[in-house]
């Protein structure tokens, strides 16, 4: 791993990406920049080349697999009545899952 590359943050909370960072990420003017937050670390990524993954997903799926393997008798089918109720409540709800989220989002 190379040394630390720095840039300053302006009074308007803006910064310029150093050329070496732009080169590594393959970014050109106008491209989007992605931020992946893992604990107190932030990783810059090129969103067109790197799909964001939830760092909790893999450990959760492993836990789920171990639990299903150890206790298969706990598995149960989804109740038909609950499915019918969910379908009735959401029958006329339209959602665009690809639409941009407006405003601040807290995770």
N, C-alpha and C. Protein backbone atom coordinates (compact mmCIF):
# COMPACT_ATOMS: atom_id res chain seq x y z
N UNK A 1 0.84 -1.17 0.00
CA UNK A 1 0.00 0.00 0.00
C UNK A 1 0.89 1.24 0.00
N UNK A 2 0.48 2.24 -0.77
CA UNK A 2 1.27 3.46 -0.90
C UNK A 2 1.08 4.38 0.28
N UNK A 3 1.73 5.53 0.20
CA UNK A 3 1.62 6.52 1.26
C UNK A 3 0.27 7.21 1.22
N UNK A 4 0.06 8.06 2.18
CA UNK A 4 -1.20 8.80 2.27
C UNK A 4 -1.19 9.96 1.29
N UNK A 5 -2.26 10.09 0.53
CA UNK A 5 -2.46 11.21 -0.36
C UNK A 5 -3.50 12.10 0.30
N UNK A 6 -3.23 13.38 0.40
CA UNK A 6 -4.15 14.26 1.11
C UNK A 6 -4.69 15.35 0.19
N UNK A 7 -5.80 15.92 0.62
CA UNK A 7 -6.36 17.12 0.00
C UNK A 7 -7.06 17.89 1.11
N UNK A 8 -7.22 19.18 0.92
CA UNK A 8 -7.85 20.01 1.95
C UNK A 8 -9.34 20.18 1.67
N UNK A 9 -10.09 20.36 2.74
CA UNK A 9 -11.52 20.62 2.64
C UNK A 9 -11.74 22.12 2.77
N UNK A 10 -12.48 22.70 1.83
CA UNK A 10 -12.73 24.14 1.83
C UNK A 10 -13.80 24.50 2.86
N UNK A 11 -14.03 25.80 3.02
CA UNK A 11 -15.08 26.26 3.95
C UNK A 11 -16.45 25.77 3.52
N UNK A 12 -16.62 25.46 2.25
CA UNK A 12 -17.90 24.94 1.75
C UNK A 12 -17.93 23.41 1.75
N UNK A 13 -17.00 22.78 2.49
CA UNK A 13 -16.90 21.32 2.60
C UNK A 13 -16.64 20.65 1.26
N UNK A 14 -15.89 21.31 0.40
CA UNK A 14 -15.53 20.75 -0.89
C UNK A 14 -14.04 20.40 -0.89
N UNK A 15 -13.69 19.47 -1.76
CA UNK A 15 -12.29 19.11 -1.91
C UNK A 15 -12.04 18.74 -3.37
N UNK A 16 -10.80 18.75 -3.77
CA UNK A 16 -10.41 18.32 -5.11
C UNK A 16 -9.76 16.96 -5.00
N UNK A 17 -10.22 16.02 -5.81
CA UNK A 17 -9.59 14.70 -5.79
C UNK A 17 -8.22 14.80 -6.44
N UNK A 18 -7.19 14.37 -5.75
CA UNK A 18 -5.85 14.39 -6.33
C UNK A 18 -5.80 13.53 -7.60
N UNK A 19 -4.94 13.90 -8.55
CA UNK A 19 -4.85 13.15 -9.80
C UNK A 19 -4.61 11.65 -9.60
N UNK A 20 -3.79 11.28 -8.63
CA UNK A 20 -3.50 9.85 -8.41
C UNK A 20 -4.77 9.09 -8.01
N UNK A 21 -5.63 9.73 -7.22
CA UNK A 21 -6.88 9.09 -6.79
C UNK A 21 -7.81 8.94 -7.99
N UNK A 22 -7.93 9.99 -8.79
CA UNK A 22 -8.78 9.93 -9.98
C UNK A 22 -8.29 8.84 -10.93
N UNK A 23 -6.97 8.71 -11.04
CA UNK A 23 -6.40 7.70 -11.95
C UNK A 23 -6.72 6.29 -11.45
N UNK A 24 -6.51 6.04 -10.17
CA UNK A 24 -6.76 4.71 -9.61
C UNK A 24 -8.22 4.32 -9.78
N UNK A 25 -9.12 5.28 -9.56
CA UNK A 25 -10.55 4.99 -9.66
C UNK A 25 -11.06 5.07 -11.09
N UNK A 26 -10.22 5.55 -12.00
CA UNK A 26 -10.65 5.67 -13.39
C UNK A 26 -11.73 6.69 -13.58
N UNK A 27 -11.68 7.79 -12.82
CA UNK A 27 -12.71 8.82 -12.86
C UNK A 27 -12.34 9.96 -13.79
N UNK A 28 -13.34 10.45 -14.49
CA UNK A 28 -13.18 11.60 -15.38
C UNK A 28 -14.11 12.71 -14.90
N UNK A 29 -13.87 13.96 -15.33
CA UNK A 29 -14.79 15.04 -14.94
C UNK A 29 -16.23 14.68 -15.28
N UNK A 30 -17.13 14.90 -14.32
CA UNK A 30 -18.54 14.58 -14.51
C UNK A 30 -18.94 13.21 -14.01
N UNK A 31 -17.98 12.33 -13.72
CA UNK A 31 -18.29 10.99 -13.21
C UNK A 31 -18.77 11.09 -11.76
N UNK A 32 -19.53 10.10 -11.35
CA UNK A 32 -19.99 10.01 -9.96
C UNK A 32 -18.88 9.38 -9.11
N UNK A 33 -18.88 9.71 -7.84
CA UNK A 33 -17.92 9.15 -6.89
C UNK A 33 -18.71 8.47 -5.79
N UNK A 34 -18.33 7.24 -5.45
CA UNK A 34 -19.04 6.50 -4.42
C UNK A 34 -18.25 6.48 -3.12
N UNK A 35 -18.99 6.45 -2.01
CA UNK A 35 -18.40 6.39 -0.67
C UNK A 35 -18.96 5.17 0.03
N UNK A 36 -18.09 4.29 0.51
CA UNK A 36 -18.51 3.12 1.27
C UNK A 36 -18.01 3.32 2.69
N UNK A 37 -18.94 3.37 3.64
CA UNK A 37 -18.59 3.59 5.05
C UNK A 37 -18.59 2.26 5.77
N UNK A 38 -17.46 1.93 6.38
CA UNK A 38 -17.31 0.70 7.16
C UNK A 38 -16.71 1.09 8.50
N UNK A 39 -17.54 1.15 9.52
CA UNK A 39 -17.08 1.61 10.83
C UNK A 39 -16.66 3.06 10.74
N UNK A 40 -15.44 3.36 11.12
CA UNK A 40 -14.95 4.74 11.04
C UNK A 40 -14.12 4.98 9.79
N UNK A 41 -14.08 4.00 8.88
CA UNK A 41 -13.32 4.15 7.63
C UNK A 41 -14.28 4.45 6.48
N UNK A 42 -13.81 5.29 5.57
CA UNK A 42 -14.57 5.62 4.36
C UNK A 42 -13.71 5.26 3.16
N UNK A 43 -14.26 4.47 2.25
CA UNK A 43 -13.54 4.06 1.06
C UNK A 43 -14.17 4.73 -0.15
N UNK A 44 -13.34 5.32 -1.00
CA UNK A 44 -13.82 5.91 -2.23
C UNK A 44 -13.86 4.83 -3.30
N UNK A 45 -14.95 4.78 -4.05
CA UNK A 45 -15.08 3.78 -5.10
C UNK A 45 -15.67 4.42 -6.35
N UNK A 46 -15.41 3.80 -7.47
CA UNK A 46 -16.05 4.19 -8.71
C UNK A 46 -17.35 3.38 -8.77
N UNK A 47 -18.51 4.02 -8.58
CA UNK A 47 -19.75 3.25 -8.51
C UNK A 47 -20.08 2.49 -9.79
N UNK A 48 -19.53 2.90 -10.92
CA UNK A 48 -19.81 2.17 -12.16
C UNK A 48 -19.01 0.87 -12.23
N UNK A 49 -17.98 0.72 -11.40
CA UNK A 49 -17.15 -0.48 -11.43
C UNK A 49 -17.28 -1.34 -10.18
N UNK A 50 -17.82 -0.78 -9.12
CA UNK A 50 -17.89 -1.52 -7.85
C UNK A 50 -19.30 -1.45 -7.28
N UNK A 51 -19.95 -2.60 -7.18
CA UNK A 51 -21.27 -2.64 -6.56
C UNK A 51 -21.09 -2.57 -5.05
N UNK A 52 -21.88 -1.72 -4.42
CA UNK A 52 -21.80 -1.60 -2.96
C UNK A 52 -22.41 -2.84 -2.33
N UNK A 53 -21.74 -3.38 -1.36
CA UNK A 53 -22.29 -4.51 -0.63
C UNK A 53 -22.40 -4.11 0.84
N UNK A 54 -23.42 -4.61 1.47
CA UNK A 54 -23.64 -4.34 2.88
C UNK A 54 -22.67 -5.19 3.69
N UNK A 55 -21.81 -4.58 4.51
CA UNK A 55 -20.83 -5.38 5.27
C UNK A 55 -21.47 -6.32 6.28
N UNK A 56 -22.74 -6.10 6.62
CA UNK A 56 -23.41 -6.99 7.57
C UNK A 56 -24.09 -8.16 6.88
N UNK A 57 -24.24 -8.10 5.55
CA UNK A 57 -25.00 -9.12 4.85
C UNK A 57 -24.34 -10.50 4.91
N UNK A 58 -23.06 -10.58 4.58
CA UNK A 58 -22.38 -11.88 4.56
C UNK A 58 -22.35 -12.54 5.94
N UNK A 59 -21.98 -11.82 7.02
CA UNK A 59 -22.04 -12.46 8.35
C UNK A 59 -23.46 -12.90 8.73
N UNK A 60 -24.47 -12.10 8.35
CA UNK A 60 -25.85 -12.48 8.66
C UNK A 60 -26.25 -13.75 7.92
N UNK A 61 -25.91 -13.83 6.63
CA UNK A 61 -26.25 -15.03 5.87
C UNK A 61 -25.53 -16.26 6.39
N UNK A 62 -24.30 -16.10 6.85
CA UNK A 62 -23.58 -17.22 7.45
C UNK A 62 -24.27 -17.68 8.73
N UNK A 63 -24.68 -16.73 9.57
CA UNK A 63 -25.40 -17.06 10.80
C UNK A 63 -26.70 -17.79 10.47
N UNK A 64 -27.41 -17.29 9.47
CA UNK A 64 -28.67 -17.92 9.05
C UNK A 64 -28.43 -19.35 8.57
N UNK A 65 -27.40 -19.54 7.77
CA UNK A 65 -27.06 -20.88 7.27
C UNK A 65 -26.75 -21.83 8.42
N UNK A 66 -25.96 -21.35 9.39
CA UNK A 66 -25.60 -22.20 10.53
C UNK A 66 -26.83 -22.56 11.34
N UNK A 67 -27.74 -21.60 11.52
CA UNK A 67 -28.94 -21.86 12.30
C UNK A 67 -29.86 -22.84 11.59
N UNK A 68 -30.02 -22.69 10.28
CA UNK A 68 -30.87 -23.61 9.52
C UNK A 68 -30.27 -25.01 9.52
N UNK A 69 -28.95 -25.10 9.40
CA UNK A 69 -28.28 -26.40 9.41
C UNK A 69 -28.44 -27.08 10.76
N UNK A 70 -28.29 -26.31 11.84
CA UNK A 70 -28.36 -26.87 13.19
C UNK A 70 -29.79 -27.17 13.63
N UNK A 71 -30.76 -26.39 13.14
CA UNK A 71 -32.14 -26.53 13.62
C UNK A 71 -33.15 -26.47 12.46
N UNK A 72 -33.09 -27.41 11.53
CA UNK A 72 -34.00 -27.36 10.38
C UNK A 72 -35.48 -27.44 10.77
N UNK A 73 -35.76 -28.00 11.93
CA UNK A 73 -37.15 -28.13 12.37
C UNK A 73 -37.81 -26.77 12.65
N UNK A 74 -37.00 -25.74 12.78
CA UNK A 74 -37.55 -24.40 13.04
C UNK A 74 -38.10 -23.73 11.78
N UNK A 75 -37.77 -24.26 10.62
CA UNK A 75 -38.27 -23.67 9.38
C UNK A 75 -39.76 -23.90 9.25
N UNK A 76 -40.45 -22.87 8.81
CA UNK A 76 -41.90 -22.97 8.61
C UNK A 76 -42.26 -22.20 7.36
N UNK A 77 -43.34 -22.63 6.74
CA UNK A 77 -43.82 -21.94 5.56
C UNK A 77 -44.41 -20.58 5.91
N UNK A 78 -44.47 -19.70 4.92
CA UNK A 78 -45.05 -18.37 5.11
C UNK A 78 -46.57 -18.55 5.18
N UNK A 79 -47.21 -18.05 6.24
CA UNK A 79 -48.66 -18.24 6.38
C UNK A 79 -49.44 -17.59 5.23
N UNK A 80 -50.33 -18.37 4.61
CA UNK A 80 -51.12 -17.88 3.47
C UNK A 80 -51.97 -16.67 3.86
N UNK A 81 -52.48 -16.66 5.08
CA UNK A 81 -53.32 -15.54 5.53
C UNK A 81 -52.51 -14.24 5.59
N UNK A 82 -51.28 -14.33 6.06
CA UNK A 82 -50.42 -13.14 6.14
C UNK A 82 -50.09 -12.63 4.74
N UNK A 83 -49.80 -13.54 3.82
CA UNK A 83 -49.51 -13.14 2.45
C UNK A 83 -50.72 -12.45 1.83
N UNK A 84 -51.91 -12.99 2.04
CA UNK A 84 -53.14 -12.38 1.50
C UNK A 84 -53.34 -10.99 2.08
N UNK A 85 -53.08 -10.81 3.36
CA UNK A 85 -53.25 -9.49 4.01
C UNK A 85 -52.24 -8.49 3.44
N UNK A 86 -51.00 -8.92 3.27
CA UNK A 86 -49.97 -8.03 2.70
C UNK A 86 -50.36 -7.62 1.29
N UNK A 87 -50.83 -8.57 0.49
CA UNK A 87 -51.23 -8.26 -0.88
C UNK A 87 -52.40 -7.29 -0.91
N UNK A 88 -53.37 -7.46 0.00
CA UNK A 88 -54.52 -6.57 0.05
C UNK A 88 -54.11 -5.16 0.46
N UNK A 89 -53.18 -5.04 1.39
CA UNK A 89 -52.74 -3.72 1.87
C UNK A 89 -51.88 -2.98 0.85
N UNK A 90 -51.21 -3.72 -0.02
CA UNK A 90 -50.30 -3.08 -0.96
C UNK A 90 -50.78 -3.16 -2.41
N UNK A 91 -52.01 -3.58 -2.61
CA UNK A 91 -52.53 -3.81 -3.94
C UNK A 91 -52.43 -2.58 -4.85
N UNK A 92 -52.74 -1.41 -4.33
CA UNK A 92 -52.74 -0.20 -5.16
C UNK A 92 -51.54 0.71 -4.89
N UNK A 93 -50.53 0.20 -4.20
CA UNK A 93 -49.35 0.99 -3.90
C UNK A 93 -48.36 0.83 -5.05
N UNK A 94 -47.93 1.97 -5.58
CA UNK A 94 -46.93 1.94 -6.65
C UNK A 94 -45.60 2.41 -6.07
N UNK A 95 -44.54 1.71 -6.38
CA UNK A 95 -43.22 2.07 -5.88
C UNK A 95 -42.21 1.93 -7.01
N UNK A 96 -41.40 2.96 -7.17
CA UNK A 96 -40.30 2.91 -8.13
C UNK A 96 -39.03 2.66 -7.35
N UNK A 97 -38.58 1.42 -7.33
CA UNK A 97 -37.41 1.04 -6.53
C UNK A 97 -36.10 1.60 -7.07
N UNK A 98 -36.14 2.13 -8.28
CA UNK A 98 -34.95 2.72 -8.87
C UNK A 98 -34.94 4.24 -8.78
N UNK A 99 -35.99 4.81 -8.19
CA UNK A 99 -36.07 6.26 -8.10
C UNK A 99 -35.04 6.79 -7.10
N UNK A 100 -34.56 7.99 -7.36
CA UNK A 100 -33.60 8.63 -6.44
C UNK A 100 -34.30 8.96 -5.12
N UNK A 101 -33.55 8.94 -4.05
CA UNK A 101 -34.07 9.31 -2.74
C UNK A 101 -33.75 10.79 -2.52
N UNK A 102 -34.79 11.56 -2.26
CA UNK A 102 -34.60 12.99 -2.02
C UNK A 102 -34.45 13.25 -0.52
N UNK A 103 -33.59 14.19 -0.18
CA UNK A 103 -33.41 14.56 1.21
C UNK A 103 -32.33 13.74 1.90
N UNK A 104 -32.21 13.97 3.19
CA UNK A 104 -31.18 13.32 3.99
C UNK A 104 -31.66 11.93 4.39
N UNK A 105 -30.77 10.96 4.32
CA UNK A 105 -31.08 9.59 4.73
C UNK A 105 -30.09 9.22 5.83
N UNK A 106 -30.61 8.81 6.96
CA UNK A 106 -29.76 8.36 8.07
C UNK A 106 -29.82 6.85 8.14
N UNK A 107 -28.66 6.23 8.18
CA UNK A 107 -28.61 4.78 8.29
C UNK A 107 -28.20 4.39 9.68
